[in-house]
Amino acid sequence: MTDSPPEDKVTESTLKAIQQFNDAFNRLDVNAIMAAITEDCVFENTYPPPDGERYEGRAAVRAFWERFFASGNLRNRGGGGPLGFCRRCHRAIG
């Protein structure tokens, strides 16, 4: 078996991180979500329209997810299947 080029390892690592986040999201697991988030994180929610809301830092992001999951909006969604959560992903080139 040959080693993958560095780009493939970055892609693999990125996809794994996204999958772990999605799995935590689908379990409504705030602690697992927060394990993937840095202290200086910025979360930009697309709701409410038109511009959404911005949350800066771990405490603000944690509070958002706790409120969001407690609201029951996901538990009562139609279809019942898992949700994906990655509107856009960025990779640092350096």
Foldseek 3Di string as FASTA:
>chain_A
DDDDPPVVVVVVVVVVLQVQCLVCVQVLNLVSNLVSDDQFDKDFDPPPPDGGDIAGGSVRVSVVSVVVVVVCPLVPDPPPDGDGDDPDDDDDDD
